[in-house]
Structure formats: structure tokens, C-alpha cells
Amino acid sequence: MNSPELLPLPPRLDQLLVIRRWLELTLERVDARIETVRETEAALAQRRPLPEPAAWWLEYGRGVQQAPTRVHTSACPQGSRSRPATRQSALETLRTVPDAIACPLCRPDSDLGLLDQ
């Protein structure tokens, strides 16, 4: 029983064999293209290693406010107003910026060792 969304196949053997051969040739072309793309991507990855993801993020307020308002870990689903930060800048933000807080969800103050002090 044929699915309604598929085109019906011809009834003759010679026609079916032609279709089969065409599919084989098409699959060979697709496989060759896959191999080419994989090789290209591997070569690019070797030339340009991806940078390490940031371990800390600083979230900034809306408007013209330039000071960060929250510090996050990399695992936190922080807002779109966040920028990557170093460990040192995350520590400095929590220690010196008056309105900056540690995110209550991801608790970067714990990871940064500020709760041990």
C-alpha cells in the first residue's frame, strides 16, 4: 500500500532498475559531498581552535548604566545583557561595585570563594 504523499513507482522492472541506479548514483554524490564538508570543517577547526567559553558573566542594567548589576557563572541562563568576564573582574565587581549582586540562581559567590571569607 502506497503512502498518499509519495509518488507511485512504475510497474515495470526496467524502469524500477533505472530509478534504483539513479538513487545509487545520487547517494554516492551525497556521500562524497559529506566527506568533503567534513574534511573542510576539520581543517578549519585545526587552524582556528574555538576559544574557551567564559566561566563568568557580568550582567548590565538597561539604559545608560555602565556598571554591572549581577555576576553569573557560565552555567546560568543569564539575561541577554551579559558579557563574558574573567575570574578577577567577577571578584572585583562583587567586592567594589555598590549595587552589584551575585545571582541567586547560580551562586557565583560560592564558586569564587567569597562565602568562605
C-alpha atoms as a PDB file:
ATOM      1  CA  MET A   1       0.000   0.000   0.000  1.00  0.00           C
ATOM      2  CA  ASN A   2       1.484   3.331  -1.083  1.00  0.00           C
ATOM      3  CA  SER A   3       1.521   6.390   1.123  1.00  0.00           C
ATOM      4  CA  PRO A   4      -0.527   9.227  -0.341  1.00  0.00           C
ATOM      5  CA  GLU A   5       2.380  11.697  -0.083  1.00  0.00           C
ATOM      6  CA  LEU A   6       4.766   9.515  -2.118  1.00  0.00           C
ATOM      7  CA  LEU A   7       4.728   9.306  -5.871  1.00  0.00           C
ATOM      8  CA  PRO A   8       3.727   5.888  -7.183  1.00  0.00           C
ATOM      9  CA  LEU A   9       6.507   3.727  -8.561  1.00  0.00           C
ATOM     10  CA  PRO A  10       6.336   2.383 -12.102  1.00  0.00           C
ATOM     11  CA  PRO A  11       5.210  -1.214 -12.537  1.00  0.00           C
ATOM     12  CA  ARG A  12       7.957  -2.342 -14.950  1.00  0.00           C
ATOM     13  CA  LEU A  13      11.224  -3.899 -13.803  1.00  0.00           C
ATOM     14  CA  ASP A  14      13.411  -1.973 -16.242  1.00  0.00           C
ATOM     15  CA  GLN A  15      12.008   1.332 -15.004  1.00  0.00           C
ATOM     16  CA  LEU A  16      12.497   0.328 -11.373  1.00  0.00           C
ATOM     17  CA  LEU A  17      16.117  -0.643 -12.076  1.00  0.00           C
ATOM     18  CA  VAL A  18      16.764   2.762 -13.659  1.00  0.00           C
ATOM     19  CA  ILE A  19      15.352   4.504 -10.608  1.00  0.00           C
ATOM     20  CA  ARG A  20      17.431   2.296  -8.326  1.00  0.00           C
ATOM     21  CA  ARG A  21      20.614   3.110 -10.244  1.00  0.00           C
ATOM     22  CA  TRP A  22      19.816   6.832 -10.183  1.00  0.00           C
ATOM     23  CA  LEU A  23      19.334   6.640  -6.407  1.00  0.00           C
ATOM     24  CA  GLU A  24      22.672   4.812  -6.011  1.00  0.00           C
ATOM     25  CA  LEU A  25      24.485   7.483  -8.032  1.00  0.00           C
ATOM     26  CA  THR A  26      22.781  10.256  -6.089  1.00  0.00           C
ATOM     27  CA  LEU A  27      23.714   8.632  -2.792  1.00  0.00           C
ATOM     28  CA  GLU A  28      27.347   8.377  -3.938  1.00  0.00           C
ATOM     29  CA  ARG A  29      27.330  12.104  -4.750  1.00  0.00           C
ATOM     30  CA  VAL A  30      25.813  12.945  -1.358  1.00  0.00           C
ATOM     31  CA  ASP A  31      28.356  10.752   0.462  1.00  0.00           C
ATOM     32  CA  ALA A  32      31.218  12.413  -1.440  1.00  0.00           C
ATOM     33  CA  ARG A  33      29.894  15.851  -0.522  1.00  0.00           C
ATOM     34  CA  ILE A  34      29.545  14.854   3.138  1.00  0.00           C
ATOM     35  CA  GLU A  35      33.176  13.726   3.163  1.00  0.00           C
ATOM     36  CA  THR A  36      34.323  16.989   1.559  1.00  0.00           C
ATOM     37  CA  VAL A  37      32.419  19.081   4.080  1.00  0.00           C
ATOM     38  CA  ARG A  38      33.782  17.032   6.989  1.00  0.00           C
ATOM     39  CA  GLU A  39      37.344  17.466   5.740  1.00  0.00           C
ATOM     40  CA  THR A  40      36.832  21.217   5.300  1.00  0.00           C
ATOM     41  CA  GLU A  41      35.364  21.611   8.782  1.00  0.00           C
ATOM     42  CA  ALA A  42      38.181  19.554  10.317  1.00  0.00           C
ATOM     43  CA  ALA A  43      40.802  21.691   8.555  1.00  0.00           C
ATOM     44  CA  LEU A  44      39.132  24.885   9.769  1.00  0.00           C
ATOM     45  CA  ALA A  45      38.901  23.562  13.321  1.00  0.00           C
ATOM     46  CA  GLN A  46      42.627  22.797  13.337  1.00  0.00           C
ATOM     47  CA  ARG A  47      43.516  26.263  12.078  1.00  0.00           C
ATOM     48  CA  ARG A  48      41.137  28.144  14.362  1.00  0.00           C
ATOM     49  CA  PRO A  49      40.516  26.422  17.672  1.00  0.00           C
ATOM     50  CA  LEU A  50      37.416  27.693  19.400  1.00  0.00           C
ATOM     51  CA  PRO A  51      38.057  29.913  22.398  1.00  0.00           C
ATOM     52  CA  GLU A  52      37.310  28.554  25.815  1.00  0.00           C
ATOM     53  CA  PRO A  53      33.855  29.580  26.989  1.00  0.00           C
ATOM     54  CA  ALA A  54      33.831  32.262  29.658  1.00  0.00           C
ATOM     55  CA  ALA A  55      33.422  30.927  33.199  1.00  0.00           C
ATOM     56  CA  TRP A  56      31.925  34.177  34.480  1.00  0.00           C
ATOM     57  CA  TRP A  57      29.424  36.681  33.119  1.00  0.00           C
ATOM     58  CA  LEU A  58      28.609  40.245  34.139  1.00  0.00           C
ATOM     59  CA  GLU A  59      25.040  41.415  33.606  1.00  0.00           C
ATOM     60  CA  TYR A  60      24.496  45.083  32.899  1.00  0.00           C
ATOM     61  CA  GLY A  61      21.396  47.161  33.567  1.00  0.00           C
ATOM     62  CA  ARG A  62      19.226  48.804  30.945  1.00  0.00           C
ATOM     63  CA  GLY A  63      19.777  52.277  29.621  1.00  0.00           C
ATOM     64  CA  VAL A  64      22.973  54.226  30.055  1.00  0.00           C
ATOM     65  CA  GLN A  65      24.095  52.497  33.254  1.00  0.00           C
ATOM     66  CA  GLN A  66      27.633  51.254  32.666  1.00  0.00           C
ATOM     67  CA  ALA A  67      28.234  49.371  35.929  1.00  0.00           C
ATOM     68  CA  PRO A  68      27.381  45.665  36.133  1.00  0.00           C
ATOM     69  CA  THR A  69      24.371  44.729  38.259  1.00  0.00           C
ATOM     70  CA  ARG A  70      24.848  40.958  38.634  1.00  0.00           C
ATOM     71  CA  VAL A  71      27.563  38.347  38.370  1.00  0.00           C
ATOM     72  CA  HIS A  72      26.763  34.895  36.927  1.00  0.00           C
ATOM     73  CA  THR A  73      28.545  31.593  36.352  1.00  0.00           C
ATOM     74  CA  SER A  74      28.736  30.149  32.847  1.00  0.00           C
ATOM     75  CA  ALA A  75      26.053  27.578  33.724  1.00  0.00           C
ATOM     76  CA  CYS A  76      23.439  30.237  34.491  1.00  0.00           C
ATOM     77  CA  PRO A  77      20.768  31.100  31.938  1.00  0.00           C
ATOM     78  CA  GLN A  78      21.617  34.798  32.376  1.00  0.00           C
ATOM     79  CA  GLY A  79      19.947  37.597  30.500  1.00  0.00           C
ATOM     80  CA  SER A  80      20.855  38.985  27.112  1.00  0.00           C
ATOM     81  CA  ARG A  81      22.602  41.990  28.659  1.00  0.00           C
ATOM     82  CA  SER A  82      25.512  39.879  29.911  1.00  0.00           C
ATOM     83  CA  ARG A  83      29.129  39.977  28.788  1.00  0.00           C
ATOM     84  CA  PRO A  84      31.910  37.457  29.437  1.00  0.00           C
ATOM     85  CA  ALA A  85      34.281  38.231  32.301  1.00  0.00           C
ATOM     86  CA  THR A  86      37.425  36.899  33.915  1.00  0.00           C
ATOM     87  CA  ARG A  87      37.503  35.483  37.427  1.00  0.00           C
ATOM     88  CA  GLN A  88      39.337  38.592  38.604  1.00  0.00           C
ATOM     89  CA  SER A  89      36.777  41.001  37.145  1.00  0.00           C
ATOM     90  CA  ALA A  90      33.896  38.971  38.630  1.00  0.00           C
ATOM     91  CA  LEU A  91      35.556  39.129  42.070  1.00  0.00           C
ATOM     92  CA  GLU A  92      36.293  42.823  41.707  1.00  0.00           C
ATOM     93  CA  THR A  93      32.703  43.557  40.658  1.00  0.00           C
ATOM     94  CA  LEU A  94      31.234  41.784  43.684  1.00  0.00           C
ATOM     95  CA  ARG A  95      33.701  43.481  46.041  1.00  0.00           C
ATOM     96  CA  THR A  96      33.675  47.035  44.712  1.00  0.00           C
ATOM     97  CA  VAL A  97      30.527  47.840  42.703  1.00  0.00           C
ATOM     98  CA  PRO A  98      27.909  49.036  45.221  1.00  0.00           C
ATOM     99  CA  ASP A  99      24.740  47.733  43.516  1.00  0.00           C
ATOM    100  CA  ALA A 100      26.199  44.545  42.026  1.00  0.00           C
ATOM    101  CA  ILE A 101      24.997  41.258  43.482  1.00  0.00           C
ATOM    102  CA  ALA A 102      25.735  37.594  42.972  1.00  0.00           C
ATOM    103  CA  CYS A 103      22.993  35.834  41.024  1.00  0.00           C
ATOM    104  CA  PRO A 104      20.777  33.953  43.488  1.00  0.00           C
ATOM    105  CA  LEU A 105      20.272  31.113  40.987  1.00  0.00           C
ATOM    106  CA  CYS A 106      23.834  30.172  40.045  1.00  0.00           C
ATOM    107  CA  ARG A 107      25.582  31.459  43.215  1.00  0.00           C
ATOM    108  CA  PRO A 108      28.902  32.671  41.728  1.00  0.00           C
ATOM    109  CA  ASP A 109      29.937  33.965  45.162  1.00  0.00           C
ATOM    110  CA  SER A 110      30.212  30.351  46.290  1.00  0.00           C
ATOM    111  CA  ASP A 111      32.312  29.324  43.260  1.00  0.00           C
ATOM    112  CA  LEU A 112      34.502  32.397  43.678  1.00  0.00           C
ATOM    113  CA  GLY A 113      35.174  31.538  47.319  1.00  0.00           C
ATOM    114  CA  LEU A 114      33.585  34.696  48.713  1.00  0.00           C
ATOM    115  CA  LEU A 115      31.359  32.766  51.132  1.00  0.00           C
ATOM    116  CA  ASP A 116      34.408  31.169  52.772  1.00  0.00           C
ATOM    117  CA  GLN A 117      35.789  34.540  53.883  1.00  0.00           C
END
